[in-house]
């Protein structure tokens, strides 16, 4: 089973459809898959996935994992890993324990690698 299949079959999954726009605060256990647009504060105990063609403008976003294949802009605090797909774009600032970028991704952000406490 691929990571995408696991994400789509995860309990508590929330999806923002293509063409949908959400403004405000989005909180929950996650995971959240965005195909549309989200503007606002995000507080997720799980993963945030920004699909190709989607946009997230996150003011003070806090998530466990972040995968960007679309456009993410704002201040992102990621507890675990931040991944940028081949067409993913990140702007603003982000902190994470690990950052992975694919060829073709772009970053216009201040990045901080957070050391895991031992």
C-alpha atoms as a PDB file:
ATOM      1  CA  UNK A   1       0.000   0.000   0.000  1.00  0.00           C
ATOM      2  CA  UNK A   2       1.438   3.374  -1.015  1.00  0.00           C
ATOM      3  CA  UNK A   3       1.722   6.397   1.279  1.00  0.00           C
ATOM      4  CA  UNK A   4      -1.083   8.052  -0.713  1.00  0.00           C
ATOM      5  CA  UNK A   5      -3.356   5.026  -0.199  1.00  0.00           C
ATOM      6  CA  UNK A   6      -2.616   4.993   3.542  1.00  0.00           C
ATOM      7  CA  UNK A   7      -3.360   8.725   3.718  1.00  0.00           C
ATOM      8  CA  UNK A   8      -6.704   8.361   1.869  1.00  0.00           C
ATOM      9  CA  UNK A   9      -7.758   5.455   4.096  1.00  0.00           C
ATOM     10  CA  UNK A  10      -6.702   7.002   7.414  1.00  0.00           C
ATOM     11  CA  UNK A  11      -9.334   7.272  10.175  1.00  0.00           C
ATOM     12  CA  UNK A  12     -10.519  10.838  10.755  1.00  0.00           C
ATOM     13  CA  UNK A  13      -9.428  12.008   7.297  1.00  0.00           C
ATOM     14  CA  UNK A  14     -10.577  15.505   6.286  1.00  0.00           C
ATOM     15  CA  UNK A  15     -10.414  16.615   2.652  1.00  0.00           C
ATOM     16  CA  UNK A  16     -10.763  20.095   1.195  1.00  0.00           C
ATOM     17  CA  UNK A  17     -12.011  19.614  -2.374  1.00  0.00           C
ATOM     18  CA  UNK A  18     -10.829  21.314  -5.555  1.00  0.00           C
ATOM     19  CA  UNK A  19     -12.412  24.763  -5.819  1.00  0.00           C
ATOM     20  CA  UNK A  20     -13.288  24.875  -2.095  1.00  0.00           C
ATOM     21  CA  UNK A  21     -11.930  27.765  -0.014  1.00  0.00           C
ATOM     22  CA  UNK A  22     -11.687  27.645   3.778  1.00  0.00           C
ATOM     23  CA  UNK A  23     -10.925  30.789   5.812  1.00  0.00           C
ATOM     24  CA  UNK A  24     -10.339  30.665   9.540  1.00  0.00           C
ATOM     25  CA  UNK A  25      -9.011  28.044  11.944  1.00  0.00           C
ATOM     26  CA  UNK A  26      -8.736  24.378  11.062  1.00  0.00           C
ATOM     27  CA  UNK A  27      -8.132  22.100  14.061  1.00  0.00           C
ATOM     28  CA  UNK A  28      -8.314  18.346  14.417  1.00  0.00           C
ATOM     29  CA  UNK A  29      -6.612  15.014  14.697  1.00  0.00           C
ATOM     30  CA  UNK A  30      -5.668  14.926  11.002  1.00  0.00           C
ATOM     31  CA  UNK A  31      -4.775  13.865   8.493  1.00  0.00           C
ATOM     32  CA  UNK A  32      -5.971  16.663   6.207  1.00  0.00           C
ATOM     33  CA  UNK A  33      -5.636  16.594   2.416  1.00  0.00           C
ATOM     34  CA  UNK A  34      -6.044  19.958   0.682  1.00  0.00           C
ATOM     35  CA  UNK A  35      -6.985  20.001  -3.014  1.00  0.00           C
ATOM     36  CA  UNK A  36      -8.482  23.509  -2.800  1.00  0.00           C
ATOM     37  CA  UNK A  37      -7.400  26.538  -0.747  1.00  0.00           C
ATOM     38  CA  UNK A  38      -7.027  27.069   3.003  1.00  0.00           C
ATOM     39  CA  UNK A  39      -6.328  30.525   4.507  1.00  0.00           C
ATOM     40  CA  UNK A  40      -5.782  30.688   8.249  1.00  0.00           C
ATOM     41  CA  UNK A  41      -4.490  29.009  11.354  1.00  0.00           C
ATOM     42  CA  UNK A  42      -3.939  25.231  11.320  1.00  0.00           C
ATOM     43  CA  UNK A  43      -3.574  22.989  14.376  1.00  0.00           C
ATOM     44  CA  UNK A  44      -3.355  19.323  13.402  1.00  0.00           C
ATOM     45  CA  UNK A  45      -2.241  16.348  15.456  1.00  0.00           C
ATOM     46  CA  UNK A  46      -1.649  14.495  12.178  1.00  0.00           C
ATOM     47  CA  UNK A  47      -0.382  15.114   8.660  1.00  0.00           C
ATOM     48  CA  UNK A  48      -1.189  18.022   6.356  1.00  0.00           C
ATOM     49  CA  UNK A  49      -0.950  17.129   2.664  1.00  0.00           C
ATOM     50  CA  UNK A  50      -1.067  19.996   0.149  1.00  0.00           C
ATOM     51  CA  UNK A  51      -1.877  18.412  -3.214  1.00  0.00           C
ATOM     52  CA  UNK A  52      -0.630  19.581  -6.603  1.00  0.00           C
ATOM     53  CA  UNK A  53      -2.542  22.739  -7.571  1.00  0.00           C
ATOM     54  CA  UNK A  54      -3.677  23.385  -3.980  1.00  0.00           C
ATOM     55  CA  UNK A  55      -2.735  26.339  -1.787  1.00  0.00           C
ATOM     56  CA  UNK A  56      -2.352  26.750   1.972  1.00  0.00           C
ATOM     57  CA  UNK A  57      -1.680  30.153   3.539  1.00  0.00           C
ATOM     58  CA  UNK A  58      -1.017  29.116   7.116  1.00  0.00           C
ATOM     59  CA  UNK A  59      -0.653  31.716   9.818  1.00  0.00           C
ATOM     60  CA  UNK A  60       0.935  29.865  12.710  1.00  0.00           C
ATOM     61  CA  UNK A  61       0.425  26.332  11.354  1.00  0.00           C
ATOM     62  CA  UNK A  62       1.281  23.458  13.716  1.00  0.00           C
ATOM     63  CA  UNK A  63       1.215  19.936  12.268  1.00  0.00           C
ATOM     64  CA  UNK A  64       2.860  16.565  12.886  1.00  0.00           C
ATOM     65  CA  UNK A  65       3.955  16.042   9.260  1.00  0.00           C
ATOM     66  CA  UNK A  66       3.764  18.282   6.195  1.00  0.00           C
ATOM     67  CA  UNK A  67       3.892  17.134   2.569  1.00  0.00           C
ATOM     68  CA  UNK A  68       3.689  19.877  -0.064  1.00  0.00           C
ATOM     69  CA  UNK A  69       3.056  19.132  -3.719  1.00  0.00           C
ATOM     70  CA  UNK A  70       1.235  22.437  -4.289  1.00  0.00           C
ATOM     71  CA  UNK A  71       1.918  25.832  -2.658  1.00  0.00           C
ATOM     72  CA  UNK A  72       2.320  26.431   1.094  1.00  0.00           C
ATOM     73  CA  UNK A  73       3.025  29.861   2.512  1.00  0.00           C
ATOM     74  CA  UNK A  74       3.235  31.021   6.111  1.00  0.00           C
ATOM     75  CA  UNK A  75       4.829  29.972   9.383  1.00  0.00           C
ATOM     76  CA  UNK A  76       4.883  26.171   9.743  1.00  0.00           C
ATOM     77  CA  UNK A  77       5.989  24.294  12.857  1.00  0.00           C
ATOM     78  CA  UNK A  78       6.279  20.629  11.907  1.00  0.00           C
ATOM     79  CA  UNK A  79       6.843  18.108  14.710  1.00  0.00           C
ATOM     80  CA  UNK A  80       8.362  15.459  12.453  1.00  0.00           C
ATOM     81  CA  UNK A  81       9.152  15.654   8.723  1.00  0.00           C
ATOM     82  CA  UNK A  82       8.572  18.286   6.062  1.00  0.00           C
ATOM     83  CA  UNK A  83       8.542  16.926   2.505  1.00  0.00           C
ATOM     84  CA  UNK A  84       8.436  18.926  -0.723  1.00  0.00           C
ATOM     85  CA  UNK A  85       7.295  17.062  -3.833  1.00  0.00           C
ATOM     86  CA  UNK A  86       8.557  17.722  -7.378  1.00  0.00           C
ATOM     87  CA  UNK A  87       6.269  20.740  -7.926  1.00  0.00           C
ATOM     88  CA  UNK A  88       5.960  21.776  -4.275  1.00  0.00           C
ATOM     89  CA  UNK A  89       6.673  25.351  -3.235  1.00  0.00           C
ATOM     90  CA  UNK A  90       7.248  26.569   0.327  1.00  0.00           C
ATOM     91  CA  UNK A  91       7.397  30.261   1.266  1.00  0.00           C
ATOM     92  CA  UNK A  92       7.708  31.948   4.673  1.00  0.00           C
ATOM     93  CA  UNK A  93       9.305  29.949   7.481  1.00  0.00           C
ATOM     94  CA  UNK A  94       9.312  26.361   8.667  1.00  0.00           C
ATOM     95  CA  UNK A  95      10.860  24.253  11.402  1.00  0.00           C
ATOM     96  CA  UNK A  96      11.000  20.458  11.359  1.00  0.00           C
ATOM     97  CA  UNK A  97      13.141  17.550  12.558  1.00  0.00           C
ATOM     98  CA  UNK A  98      13.772  16.493   8.945  1.00  0.00           C
ATOM     99  CA  UNK A  99      13.347  18.169   5.571  1.00  0.00           C
ATOM    100  CA  UNK A 100      13.239  16.311   2.263  1.00  0.00           C
ATOM    101  CA  UNK A 101      13.077  18.041  -1.111  1.00  0.00           C
ATOM    102  CA  UNK A 102      12.483  16.518  -4.533  1.00  0.00           C
ATOM    103  CA  UNK A 103      14.068  17.790  -7.732  1.00  0.00           C
ATOM    104  CA  UNK A 104      11.843  20.553  -9.104  1.00  0.00           C
ATOM    105  CA  UNK A 105      10.603  21.786  -5.731  1.00  0.00           C
ATOM    106  CA  UNK A 106      11.259  25.374  -4.652  1.00  0.00           C
ATOM    107  CA  UNK A 107      11.818  27.084  -1.319  1.00  0.00           C
ATOM    108  CA  UNK A 108      11.624  30.772  -0.487  1.00  0.00           C
ATOM    109  CA  UNK A 109      11.595  30.334   3.274  1.00  0.00           C
ATOM    110  CA  UNK A 110      13.660  30.438   6.445  1.00  0.00           C
ATOM    111  CA  UNK A 111      14.202  26.808   7.454  1.00  0.00           C
ATOM    112  CA  UNK A 112      15.156  25.490  10.879  1.00  0.00           C
ATOM    113  CA  UNK A 113      16.124  21.884  11.545  1.00  0.00           C
ATOM    114  CA  UNK A 114      15.040  21.085  15.099  1.00  0.00           C
ATOM    115  CA  UNK A 115      17.214  18.647  16.972  1.00  0.00           C
ATOM    116  CA  UNK A 116      15.370  15.732  18.500  1.00  0.00           C
ATOM    117  CA  UNK A 117      15.796  15.629  22.274  1.00  0.00           C
ATOM    118  CA  UNK A 118      17.503  12.459  23.480  1.00  0.00           C
END
